[in-house]
Each structure stands twice: as structure tokens, then as C-alpha cells.
């Protein structure tokens, strides 16, 4: 027996209704006869998905599951489809992309053929791209493969509705598709995907998950492999906890190679993180990256402006800098984000720079302390403690100049994470806004510090030396 380490086979989070019998074993047997072998976690989950009650009806009329990418989550849909078409069920298999639904059709055909079923004898198929179709010749089983739209499926009746790439399943699509199984005597809807990212368009999958986990959905099941909060995606222990196929079709080497600098995306895609907040950031990652420059900019002068923000939600303080460039833009850069317990001396060291013109310090209870320490250290850089109206103006000017292309940066990962995962929060009484993170436990103060530094730089007026003529 192999002692090779394997990923966790049971879900980290699940809702499964009680049952005594299941047709999952039969579905696995059909699949395994095609020279492929279901992994243990797939067998266990298919037992739950295909559980039946004493009347032979599905225990879970709806079932959804979320697993990090490349673990074989959609292979469960192939197993379920093979069983369905050979047992007189009518199936509508939908996906977000045409290539996905087409690939699913190819897999079902391949698995059926290798299982000993013969095209033209046991089943027939339509190969037209976007209209793929499998019909069982020895019964009433049918599978139609379609790309989802807000109109797809209307007027057609099915027993099984499959939603692949469910993170892209929109409310409009659900309105068009949810009634296709209404007339079935034993309907089932399956949703399979990954947690939504910043570019995911769907909301149904996330809502279904939340309602099922909180007991609001009846006759419904859920399973996921996930972590509860943002963490270090480079930890192999977490890979084994959230990737059931690790050690089967995934390797540590493969995962290590795919991880990048985007901590949030790595947590979602590889560790199955479900974010607490909406992913609709006030500044998208695409927008933020569009203002990135590859080389250090040519500076218009030597003046440096700083922004310091003592965070509201954490015990951290962030510092950033801004300078003017020769092409009329403002170059921004994050300096650091540290615990308040580290003191203020590290910031004062930067403010001693002879080219430091002004620092804007925001954070009640701490800004006066830092200003006093600057005076005690004989720091020449001018300190401004902004009022609420100033912070409102700072953020408004920052976004105006950003979206007009008047700001540039070097693509620092930490700053990119803060900027592309934020939303507005109301401050003051005049419709102004600040920022809050849409990531649970994340710190947005780095972005706020950048906004303050930019404001100081953009608002600075050069003092011209007065020349008196006689």
C-alpha cells in the first residue's frame, strides 16, 4: 500500500441531509469501467449527491460544490451525466463558455465509448459546436450541452439541470433556467465551480452557498474544500487541506509553480477562499494595472510628499510617498505598513530626508503624537493634520487623477492588493467617501496613505522667490 501523502478527502465545510441509500455507487461503477478510476473524494461526494429517499427520489433536489482549480470537480458532472443518459433522464448541461460545454460533451462520449457503449448502437450524438447532443437509443435518456444565456432553456423540460462554472451563473440566467426541471417527477439541479473572483459575473452560486449553510434552503446540499480567511497561500499544509486531488492528479511542484504575487487570487483559486465581502472593488485590478510603469519615472524636481494613515480596522500604520514627474503626472509609492507597536521612529527616519516637503498624517489619537515627536526630533518637513473635509477632498482628487491617467506607480503587490480590493465608505455629511477593504482582515490603510501623499503633492504650490526691481 502506497504511503504517498494525499489531499484531504472529506470537505472542510458541508451540508448533507440524512439518507440511507444512494445511487452513487452505480454511477461510479459506470465511470470506472471506462479505464478511469474515481478518486476517493469523488466517490464520497457522489454518494451524497445521488442520495435517494424511501420513495426513490433525490434527497437533495439541489446540490452545489466548490473546489480549487484542477482538482477534477467537473468530473463529477461527467459521472452524473453518464448515469443520467443511460437511465432515462433528460439532462441540460450548461456552462459559461462554449468550449467548456463542448469539452464536457467530448468527455461523456469518450467515457461511454471506453465503458463499452457503442455509438450508433447504444447512443447517437450531434457534433455541432454549441448544439452538442447525446441521445440514448435504448431508452429516453438525452443530454443537451449549451452555453448559458438569459434565454437558454425556456420552453424545454429536463430532469437534471447542470450548472458548470457556477461562479459565473447570473440571476438573469437563473430566471431563464430554473423552471426547466419544474415538470420532472424527480428533478435535480447541480452547481459546480470555484469561489468568485474580482472578474466573476455571477451572484447565484454565492447566494446559494450562503443560504444552504445557514439552513434557509430546503432539500439542498453543499460541499467545499476551503480556508476560512485570507492566509499564506504558500503553505503546503493548506494545500493538502483544500486540494483533495493533491497526490493523485496534482503535485506540490505544480502548485508551487503556479503561485504568484496576487495573494488574494492565490487564496481563492488554490485554497478555496470565499471572501466575506462583495468583490466589486471601487478600483478594479485591470484599471489599477493600466497605470503601472516599468521603469522609474523622470522626476520634475526633488520634492517628496508623504502620507501617513493610522488604520481604523487594524493596529497598523501605513506610510506612502508621492513625487511629480516631468510629464506632468504624480508617481506614488507605498513605503511600508507596520504595527503601531513598532513606534514612529521608522517614519521619522524617512521624514528627515532633506527633500521632504510635507507629510499629511491622518488617524485620531496618533497624529498629534507623531507631530510632537517630529518637533522633538527637529524634523523640518511640514506636518498637516487633515480635517474630515480634507480627507474627502483627498480621496476625490485621487480617484479623479487616477482615472484620468495622471497617476502612475510601479505595481507593488501589497499596494495593488489594497487598491483593487476596496470599496467606498461614507464619511462626513456631504456625500464624501473614504475606503474600506472588501477582504476580511485585510488592511486598506496603505491605499489611504497613498491618497494622502498624492493630495499633498497635487495641492502643493511652489513659492516663487520675490524679485524686486529698482
Protein backbone atom coordinates (compact mmCIF):
# COMPACT_ATOMS: atom_id res chain seq x y z
CA UNK A 1 0.00 0.00 0.00
CA UNK A 2 1.39 3.41 -1.02
CA UNK A 3 2.36 5.79 1.77
CA UNK A 4 2.27 8.80 -0.59
CA UNK A 5 0.59 11.76 1.04
CA UNK A 6 -2.86 12.66 -0.27
CA UNK A 7 -5.09 15.68 -0.01
CA UNK A 8 -7.98 15.78 2.44
CA UNK A 9 -10.79 13.58 1.06
CA UNK A 10 -13.67 14.96 3.13
CA UNK A 11 -14.97 18.51 2.59
CA UNK A 12 -13.85 21.17 5.04
CA UNK A 13 -17.42 22.54 5.06
CA UNK A 14 -20.55 20.65 4.07
CA UNK A 15 -24.31 20.37 4.47
CA UNK A 16 -25.63 16.87 3.71
CA UNK A 17 -29.15 15.76 4.59
CA UNK A 18 -29.61 12.33 6.25
CA UNK A 19 -30.04 9.39 3.89
CA UNK A 20 -29.91 5.59 3.93
CA UNK A 21 -29.42 4.78 0.26
CA UNK A 22 -27.64 6.21 -2.78
CA UNK A 23 -27.24 5.53 -6.48
CA UNK A 24 -23.73 6.98 -6.42
CA UNK A 25 -22.06 3.58 -6.28
CA UNK A 26 -23.69 2.56 -9.56
CA UNK A 27 -22.65 5.83 -11.22
CA UNK A 28 -19.04 5.32 -10.08
CA UNK A 29 -19.10 1.76 -11.44
CA UNK A 30 -20.11 3.01 -14.90
CA UNK A 31 -17.33 5.61 -14.81
CA UNK A 32 -14.67 3.17 -13.57
CA UNK A 33 -15.47 0.76 -16.41
CA UNK A 34 -14.10 3.35 -18.86
CA UNK A 35 -10.43 2.73 -17.90
CA UNK A 36 -10.60 5.62 -15.44
CA UNK A 37 -10.90 5.45 -11.68
CA UNK A 38 -12.79 7.85 -9.48
CA UNK A 39 -10.78 9.30 -6.63
CA UNK A 40 -11.99 8.54 -3.07
CA UNK A 41 -13.31 12.07 -2.53
CA UNK A 42 -15.27 11.88 -5.79
CA UNK A 43 -16.87 8.59 -4.73
CA UNK A 44 -17.81 10.01 -1.33
CA UNK A 45 -19.26 13.21 -2.75
CA UNK A 46 -21.19 11.41 -5.48
CA UNK A 47 -22.81 9.23 -2.80
CA UNK A 48 -24.11 12.40 -1.16
CA UNK A 49 -25.19 13.99 -4.44
CA UNK A 50 -27.10 10.90 -5.58
CA UNK A 51 -28.67 10.00 -2.23
CA UNK A 52 -32.29 8.84 -2.54
CA UNK A 53 -35.14 8.57 -0.05
CA UNK A 54 -37.50 5.65 0.53
CA UNK A 55 -39.59 6.74 -2.48
CA UNK A 56 -36.57 6.68 -4.77
CA UNK A 57 -36.48 10.48 -5.06
CA UNK A 58 -33.34 12.59 -4.76
CA UNK A 59 -32.72 13.62 -1.14
CA UNK A 60 -31.00 16.76 -2.44
CA UNK A 61 -33.06 18.42 -5.15
CA UNK A 62 -30.21 20.89 -5.38
CA UNK A 63 -26.54 20.29 -4.62
CA UNK A 64 -23.56 22.59 -5.04
CA UNK A 65 -19.84 22.14 -4.51
CA UNK A 66 -16.76 24.33 -4.66
CA UNK A 67 -13.20 23.02 -5.01
CA UNK A 68 -9.96 24.78 -6.03
CA UNK A 69 -9.00 24.57 -9.67
CA UNK A 70 -7.59 21.48 -11.40
CA UNK A 71 -8.86 19.03 -8.80
CA UNK A 72 -11.35 17.32 -11.11
CA UNK A 73 -14.54 18.84 -9.70
CA UNK A 74 -16.29 18.81 -13.10
CA UNK A 75 -15.50 15.10 -13.49
CA UNK A 76 -18.35 14.52 -11.02
CA UNK A 77 -20.67 16.12 -13.57
CA UNK A 78 -19.43 13.68 -16.20
CA UNK A 79 -20.13 10.74 -13.86
CA UNK A 80 -23.60 12.05 -13.08
CA UNK A 81 -24.29 12.67 -16.80
CA UNK A 82 -23.23 9.16 -17.80
CA UNK A 83 -25.60 7.67 -15.26
CA UNK A 84 -28.42 10.01 -16.25
CA UNK A 85 -28.38 9.42 -20.00
CA UNK A 86 -28.23 5.63 -19.54
CA UNK A 87 -31.10 5.69 -17.02
CA UNK A 88 -33.76 7.61 -18.96
CA UNK A 89 -33.07 11.08 -17.54
CA UNK A 90 -33.23 14.21 -19.68
CA UNK A 91 -30.24 16.45 -18.95
CA UNK A 92 -29.40 20.06 -19.75
CA UNK A 93 -25.65 20.56 -19.27
CA UNK A 94 -24.79 24.28 -19.21
CA UNK A 95 -21.50 26.15 -18.94
CA UNK A 96 -20.31 29.75 -19.07
CA UNK A 97 -18.11 29.13 -22.13
CA UNK A 98 -18.91 27.20 -25.29
CA UNK A 99 -15.53 25.47 -25.07
CA UNK A 100 -16.41 24.14 -21.61
CA UNK A 101 -19.74 22.64 -22.66
CA UNK A 102 -18.11 21.19 -25.79
CA UNK A 103 -15.31 19.62 -23.75
CA UNK A 104 -17.91 18.10 -21.43
CA UNK A 105 -19.66 16.53 -24.45
CA UNK A 106 -16.34 15.11 -25.66
CA UNK A 107 -15.63 13.63 -22.22
CA UNK A 108 -19.04 11.96 -21.91
CA UNK A 109 -18.68 10.43 -25.40
CA UNK A 110 -15.17 9.21 -24.61
CA UNK A 111 -16.14 7.73 -21.23
CA UNK A 112 -19.21 5.98 -22.65
CA UNK A 113 -17.21 4.52 -25.54
CA UNK A 114 -14.45 3.23 -23.26
CA UNK A 115 -17.10 1.77 -20.97
CA UNK A 116 -18.19 -0.46 -23.85
CA UNK A 117 -21.15 1.51 -25.18
CA UNK A 118 -21.21 1.84 -28.97
CA UNK A 119 -22.20 4.94 -30.90
CA UNK A 120 -24.93 4.05 -33.35
CA UNK A 121 -25.97 1.05 -31.26
CA UNK A 122 -26.37 2.35 -27.71
CA UNK A 123 -26.45 6.07 -28.38
CA UNK A 124 -26.26 8.67 -31.11
CA UNK A 125 -24.80 12.14 -30.97
CA UNK A 126 -24.85 15.54 -32.66
CA UNK A 127 -21.40 17.10 -33.02
CA UNK A 128 -22.38 20.66 -33.98
CA UNK A 129 -20.40 23.15 -31.88
CA UNK A 130 -22.71 24.84 -29.37
CA UNK A 131 -25.57 22.41 -30.04
CA UNK A 132 -24.00 19.14 -28.90
CA UNK A 133 -26.49 16.39 -28.15
CA UNK A 134 -26.41 12.80 -26.91
CA UNK A 135 -29.47 10.56 -27.23
CA UNK A 136 -29.74 7.08 -25.72
CA UNK A 137 -31.10 4.62 -28.29
CA UNK A 138 -32.25 2.01 -25.78
CA UNK A 139 -34.33 4.38 -23.68
CA UNK A 140 -35.36 8.01 -23.27
CA UNK A 141 -32.10 9.45 -21.97
CA UNK A 142 -30.96 12.75 -23.53
CA UNK A 143 -28.20 15.27 -22.81
CA UNK A 144 -28.14 18.72 -24.43
CA UNK A 145 -24.96 20.75 -23.97
CA UNK A 146 -25.43 24.51 -24.09
CA UNK A 147 -23.72 27.80 -23.31
CA UNK A 148 -25.78 29.75 -20.78
CA UNK A 149 -27.71 32.88 -21.72
CA UNK A 150 -30.65 34.80 -20.27
CA UNK A 151 -32.94 32.99 -22.75
CA UNK A 152 -31.47 29.49 -22.87
CA UNK A 153 -33.67 26.56 -21.86
CA UNK A 154 -37.05 28.31 -21.98
CA UNK A 155 -39.86 26.00 -23.08
CA UNK A 156 -37.84 22.80 -22.67
CA UNK A 157 -38.27 20.19 -19.96
CA UNK A 158 -35.49 18.25 -18.21
CA UNK A 159 -34.93 16.07 -15.17
CA UNK A 160 -31.37 17.23 -14.43
CA UNK A 161 -30.01 20.76 -14.77
CA UNK A 162 -26.22 21.09 -14.58
CA UNK A 163 -24.56 24.45 -13.94
CA UNK A 164 -20.84 24.13 -14.66
CA UNK A 165 -18.57 27.16 -13.99
CA UNK A 166 -21.24 28.18 -11.47
CA UNK A 167 -19.26 31.20 -10.23
CA UNK A 168 -20.40 32.86 -13.49
CA UNK A 169 -24.09 31.93 -13.07
CA UNK A 170 -26.08 35.18 -13.14
CA UNK A 171 -29.54 35.99 -11.79
CA UNK A 172 -30.85 36.56 -15.34
CA UNK A 173 -29.65 33.13 -16.40
CA UNK A 174 -31.19 31.55 -13.32
CA UNK A 175 -34.55 33.16 -14.14
CA UNK A 176 -34.43 31.56 -17.58
CA UNK A 177 -33.21 28.12 -16.47
CA UNK A 178 -34.66 27.30 -13.06
CA UNK A 179 -38.05 26.28 -14.46
CA UNK A 180 -36.70 23.73 -16.96
CA UNK A 181 -36.90 20.96 -14.33
CA UNK A 182 -40.25 22.01 -12.83
CA UNK A 183 -42.30 19.36 -14.68
CA UNK A 184 -39.95 16.48 -13.80
CA UNK A 185 -41.22 13.89 -11.32
CA UNK A 186 -37.74 13.70 -9.78
CA UNK A 187 -35.81 16.90 -10.58
CA UNK A 188 -32.27 17.76 -9.57
CA UNK A 189 -30.06 20.81 -10.11
CA UNK A 190 -26.28 20.63 -9.67
CA UNK A 191 -23.95 23.63 -9.38
CA UNK A 192 -20.19 23.23 -9.52
CA UNK A 193 -17.46 25.86 -9.53
CA UNK A 194 -14.84 27.85 -7.64
CA UNK A 195 -15.29 30.83 -5.29
CA UNK A 196 -15.94 34.05 -7.24
CA UNK A 197 -13.01 36.31 -8.09
CA UNK A 198 -12.92 40.02 -8.91
CA UNK A 199 -13.84 39.28 -12.53
CA UNK A 200 -16.62 36.75 -11.85
CA UNK A 201 -20.01 37.93 -13.13
CA UNK A 202 -22.32 35.60 -11.23
CA UNK A 203 -24.07 36.01 -7.89
CA UNK A 204 -26.35 32.92 -7.73
CA UNK A 205 -23.64 30.47 -6.63
CA UNK A 206 -22.56 32.62 -3.68
CA UNK A 207 -26.16 33.24 -2.61
CA UNK A 208 -26.99 29.52 -2.82
CA UNK A 209 -23.95 28.68 -0.70
CA UNK A 210 -24.85 31.23 1.97
CA UNK A 211 -28.50 30.17 2.15
CA UNK A 212 -27.64 26.48 2.32
CA UNK A 213 -25.02 26.92 5.03
CA UNK A 214 -27.46 28.98 7.12
CA UNK A 215 -30.31 26.50 6.71
CA UNK A 216 -32.53 28.72 4.55
CA UNK A 217 -32.59 26.28 1.61
CA UNK A 218 -34.64 23.10 1.91
CA UNK A 219 -33.80 19.80 0.17
CA UNK A 220 -30.36 21.22 -0.62
CA UNK A 221 -26.78 20.12 -0.09
CA UNK A 222 -23.38 21.77 -0.21
CA UNK A 223 -19.71 20.76 -0.04
CA UNK A 224 -16.49 22.76 -0.25
CA UNK A 225 -12.77 22.49 0.32
CA UNK A 226 -11.72 25.88 1.64
CA UNK A 227 -9.93 28.02 4.20
CA UNK A 228 -11.97 30.38 6.41
CA UNK A 229 -9.89 33.53 5.98
CA UNK A 230 -7.08 35.12 3.97
CA UNK A 231 -3.77 33.45 4.78
CA UNK A 232 -0.40 32.40 3.38
CA UNK A 233 -1.10 30.60 0.12
CA UNK A 234 2.46 29.24 0.02
CA UNK A 235 1.89 26.93 2.99
CA UNK A 236 1.93 23.27 1.76
CA UNK A 237 -0.12 22.15 4.77
CA UNK A 238 -3.01 24.25 3.49
CA UNK A 239 -2.62 22.76 0.00
CA UNK A 240 -3.30 19.30 1.40
CA UNK A 241 -6.24 20.59 3.43
CA UNK A 242 -8.02 22.20 0.47
CA UNK A 243 -6.99 20.14 -2.58
CA UNK A 244 -8.39 16.59 -2.42
CA UNK A 245 -6.63 15.57 -5.64
CA UNK A 246 -3.18 16.50 -4.34
CA UNK A 247 -1.15 13.32 -4.52
CA UNK A 248 -3.45 11.91 -7.21
CA UNK A 249 -3.51 14.26 -10.21
CA UNK A 250 -1.89 17.31 -8.55
CA UNK A 251 1.62 17.65 -7.16
CA UNK A 252 3.27 20.07 -4.75
CA UNK A 253 5.63 21.08 -7.54
CA UNK A 254 2.74 22.04 -9.84
CA UNK A 255 1.06 24.14 -7.17
CA UNK A 256 4.29 25.84 -6.14
CA UNK A 257 4.97 26.81 -9.75
CA UNK A 258 1.55 28.39 -10.31
CA UNK A 259 1.51 30.68 -7.25
CA UNK A 260 2.27 34.33 -7.93
CA UNK A 261 2.28 37.73 -6.23
CA UNK A 262 -1.50 38.12 -6.04
CA UNK A 263 -2.17 36.76 -2.56
CA UNK A 264 -5.93 37.17 -2.83
CA UNK A 265 -6.24 35.36 -6.14
CA UNK A 266 -3.99 32.52 -4.91
CA UNK A 267 -6.16 32.15 -1.80
CA UNK A 268 -9.30 31.93 -3.94
CA UNK A 269 -8.03 29.74 -6.76
CA UNK A 270 -5.81 27.35 -4.80
CA UNK A 271 -7.14 27.40 -1.23
CA UNK A 272 -10.85 27.87 -1.98
CA UNK A 273 -11.28 31.11 -0.03
CA UNK A 274 -14.75 32.62 -0.07
CA UNK A 275 -14.48 36.35 0.55
CA UNK A 276 -16.85 37.84 3.09
CA UNK A 277 -17.48 40.98 1.09
CA UNK A 278 -18.51 41.69 -2.49
CA UNK A 279 -15.68 41.57 -5.00
CA UNK A 280 -16.88 44.69 -6.77
CA UNK A 281 -13.93 46.92 -5.97
CA UNK A 282 -14.11 50.70 -6.37
CA UNK A 283 -10.87 50.32 -8.37
CA UNK A 284 -10.57 47.16 -10.44
CA UNK A 285 -7.29 45.28 -10.79
CA UNK A 286 -7.38 45.90 -14.54
CA UNK A 287 -7.76 49.64 -14.00
CA UNK A 288 -5.01 49.74 -11.39
CA UNK A 289 -2.57 47.77 -13.54
CA UNK A 290 -3.21 50.05 -16.53
CA UNK A 291 -1.42 52.88 -14.72
CA UNK A 292 1.69 50.83 -13.95
CA UNK A 293 5.04 51.87 -15.44
CA UNK A 294 8.01 49.53 -15.95
CA UNK A 295 10.84 51.97 -15.33
CA UNK A 296 11.43 54.57 -12.62
CA UNK A 297 9.99 57.90 -13.79
CA UNK A 298 11.92 61.07 -14.58
CA UNK A 299 11.21 63.48 -11.74
CA UNK A 300 10.27 67.11 -12.27
CA UNK A 301 12.04 68.17 -9.06
CA UNK A 302 13.45 66.73 -5.84
CA UNK A 303 10.43 67.48 -3.65
CA UNK A 304 8.91 64.48 -1.80
CA UNK A 305 5.46 64.42 -0.22
CA UNK A 306 4.36 61.83 2.34
CA UNK A 307 1.07 60.42 3.55
CA UNK A 308 0.62 58.54 6.83
CA UNK A 309 -2.55 56.72 7.82
CA UNK A 310 -3.22 55.11 11.19
CA UNK A 311 -5.68 52.34 10.34
CA UNK A 312 -9.22 52.23 11.75
CA UNK A 313 -9.77 48.46 11.48
CA UNK A 314 -6.31 47.22 12.49
CA UNK A 315 -3.45 48.20 14.81
CA UNK A 316 -1.29 49.24 11.86
CA UNK A 317 0.08 52.45 10.38
CA UNK A 318 0.96 52.88 6.71
CA UNK A 319 3.29 55.33 5.00
CA UNK A 320 3.47 56.35 1.34
CA UNK A 321 5.24 58.93 -0.83
CA UNK A 322 4.42 60.96 -3.94
CA UNK A 323 6.53 62.99 -6.37
CA UNK A 324 5.88 64.93 -9.56
CA UNK A 325 7.21 63.65 -12.88
CA UNK A 326 8.48 65.58 -15.91
CA UNK A 327 5.42 64.53 -17.96
CA UNK A 328 3.03 66.18 -15.51
CA UNK A 329 1.95 63.08 -13.62
CA UNK A 330 2.28 62.13 -9.96
CA UNK A 331 4.25 59.00 -9.13
CA UNK A 332 3.03 57.21 -5.99
CA UNK A 333 4.79 54.57 -3.93
CA UNK A 334 3.94 52.65 -0.77
CA UNK A 335 6.74 52.68 1.80
CA UNK A 336 5.57 50.26 4.49
CA UNK A 337 2.73 49.09 6.70
CA UNK A 338 3.74 48.23 10.27
CA UNK A 339 2.22 47.65 13.66
CA UNK A 340 1.68 50.77 15.76
CA UNK A 341 3.63 48.94 18.46
CA UNK A 342 6.77 49.39 16.38
CA UNK A 343 6.66 53.09 17.25
CA UNK A 344 7.12 56.11 14.99
CA UNK A 345 10.90 56.26 14.64
CA UNK A 346 10.92 54.39 11.31
CA UNK A 347 8.62 57.03 9.80
CA UNK A 348 10.60 59.90 11.26
CA UNK A 349 13.70 58.48 9.57
CA UNK A 350 12.02 58.97 6.18
CA UNK A 351 10.72 62.42 7.12
CA UNK A 352 14.28 63.56 7.88
CA UNK A 353 15.01 63.43 4.15
CA UNK A 354 16.12 66.96 3.17
CA UNK A 355 13.80 66.81 0.16
CA UNK A 356 10.72 66.04 2.27
CA UNK A 357 8.34 68.99 1.86
CA UNK A 358 5.15 67.94 3.63
CA UNK A 359 3.52 64.97 5.36
CA UNK A 360 -0.23 64.55 5.84
CA UNK A 361 -1.00 62.50 8.96
CA UNK A 362 -4.47 61.02 9.49
CA UNK A 363 -5.58 58.99 12.48
CA UNK A 364 -7.18 60.35 15.62
CA UNK A 365 -5.21 59.67 18.79
CA UNK A 366 -1.94 59.10 16.97
CA UNK A 367 -1.44 62.03 14.62
CA UNK A 368 -0.78 64.52 17.43
CA UNK A 369 1.75 62.13 18.99
CA UNK A 370 3.67 61.77 15.71
CA UNK A 371 3.62 65.53 15.09
CA UNK A 372 5.04 66.16 18.56
CA UNK A 373 7.77 63.55 18.03
CA UNK A 374 8.66 65.24 14.73
CA UNK A 375 9.05 68.56 16.53
CA UNK A 376 11.14 66.97 19.28
CA UNK A 377 13.38 65.42 16.61
CA UNK A 378 13.69 68.78 14.82
CA UNK A 379 12.23 67.38 11.59
CA UNK A 380 11.92 70.18 9.02
CA UNK A 381 9.16 68.51 6.96
CA UNK A 382 5.85 70.33 7.47
CA UNK A 383 3.10 68.27 9.13
CA UNK A 384 -0.56 68.67 8.21
CA UNK A 385 -3.31 67.04 10.30
CA UNK A 386 -6.30 66.89 7.94
CA UNK A 387 -9.92 67.53 8.82
CA UNK A 388 -12.71 65.30 7.52
CA UNK A 389 -13.32 67.71 4.63
CA UNK A 390 -9.64 67.42 3.69
CA UNK A 391 -9.77 63.61 3.62
CA UNK A 392 -12.90 63.75 1.45
CA UNK A 393 -11.15 66.10 -0.96
CA UNK A 394 -8.03 63.93 -0.90
CA UNK A 395 -9.87 60.76 -1.95
CA UNK A 396 -11.98 62.50 -4.58
CA UNK A 397 -8.90 64.11 -6.16
CA UNK A 398 -7.01 60.81 -6.02
CA UNK A 399 -9.65 58.89 -7.98
CA UNK A 400 -10.17 61.76 -10.42
CA UNK A 401 -6.49 61.93 -11.29
CA UNK A 402 -6.13 58.15 -11.28
CA UNK A 403 -8.91 57.52 -13.81
CA UNK A 404 -7.76 60.44 -15.94
CA UNK A 405 -4.34 58.79 -16.20
CA UNK A 406 -2.48 61.45 -14.22
CA UNK A 407 -1.08 58.99 -11.65
CA UNK A 408 1.49 56.24 -12.14
CA UNK A 409 3.04 53.52 -9.98
CA UNK A 410 5.42 50.55 -10.19
CA UNK A 411 2.91 47.77 -9.48
CA UNK A 412 3.84 46.99 -5.86
CA UNK A 413 1.90 43.80 -4.94
CA UNK A 414 0.75 44.96 -1.49
CA UNK A 415 -0.49 48.26 -2.84
CA UNK A 416 -2.17 46.56 -5.80
CA UNK A 417 -4.00 44.24 -3.40
CA UNK A 418 -5.25 47.14 -1.28
CA UNK A 419 -6.27 49.27 -4.27
CA UNK A 420 -8.06 46.53 -6.24
CA UNK A 421 -9.97 45.17 -3.24
CA UNK A 422 -11.58 48.26 -1.75
CA UNK A 423 -14.95 49.88 -1.65
CA UNK A 424 -16.14 53.33 -0.66
CA UNK A 425 -17.36 54.07 2.85
CA UNK A 426 -19.32 57.20 3.63
CA UNK A 427 -17.54 59.86 5.69
CA UNK A 428 -18.73 63.32 6.65
CA UNK A 429 -22.24 64.55 5.89
CA UNK A 430 -21.80 65.82 2.34
CA UNK A 431 -21.59 62.58 0.37
CA UNK A 432 -17.84 62.17 0.74
CA UNK A 433 -16.13 58.82 0.96
CA UNK A 434 -13.16 57.02 2.39
CA UNK A 435 -12.07 53.42 1.80
CA UNK A 436 -12.70 50.08 3.42
CA UNK A 437 -11.32 46.70 2.43
CA UNK A 438 -13.61 44.08 0.89
CA UNK A 439 -11.27 41.40 2.24
CA UNK A 440 -11.92 40.20 5.75
CA UNK A 441 -8.96 41.11 7.94
CA UNK A 442 -7.11 42.99 5.19
CA UNK A 443 -5.70 46.48 5.73
CA UNK A 444 -6.69 49.31 3.39
CA UNK A 445 -4.56 51.94 5.16
CA UNK A 446 -1.80 51.57 2.56
CA UNK A 447 -4.16 52.91 -0.12
CA UNK A 448 -5.34 55.67 2.20
CA UNK A 449 -1.74 56.71 2.86
CA UNK A 450 -1.11 56.88 -0.89
CA UNK A 451 -4.19 59.04 -1.35
CA UNK A 452 -2.95 61.47 1.31
CA UNK A 453 0.55 61.64 -0.19
CA UNK A 454 -0.92 62.28 -3.65
CA UNK A 455 -3.12 65.06 -2.27
CA UNK A 456 -0.16 66.78 -0.62
CA UNK A 457 1.82 66.57 -3.86
CA UNK A 458 -1.02 67.66 -6.16
CA UNK A 459 -2.05 70.58 -3.90
CA UNK A 460 1.43 71.96 -3.33
CA UNK A 461 2.06 75.36 -4.79
CA UNK A 462 5.62 76.38 -5.45
CA UNK A 463 6.68 79.52 -3.55
CA UNK A 464 8.35 81.74 -6.10
CA UNK A 465 11.15 83.92 -4.82
CA UNK A 466 10.06 87.53 -4.99
CA UNK A 467 12.24 89.67 -7.26
CA UNK A 468 12.18 93.39 -6.61
CA UNK A 469 13.28 95.73 -9.38
CA UNK A 470 14.51 99.26 -8.69
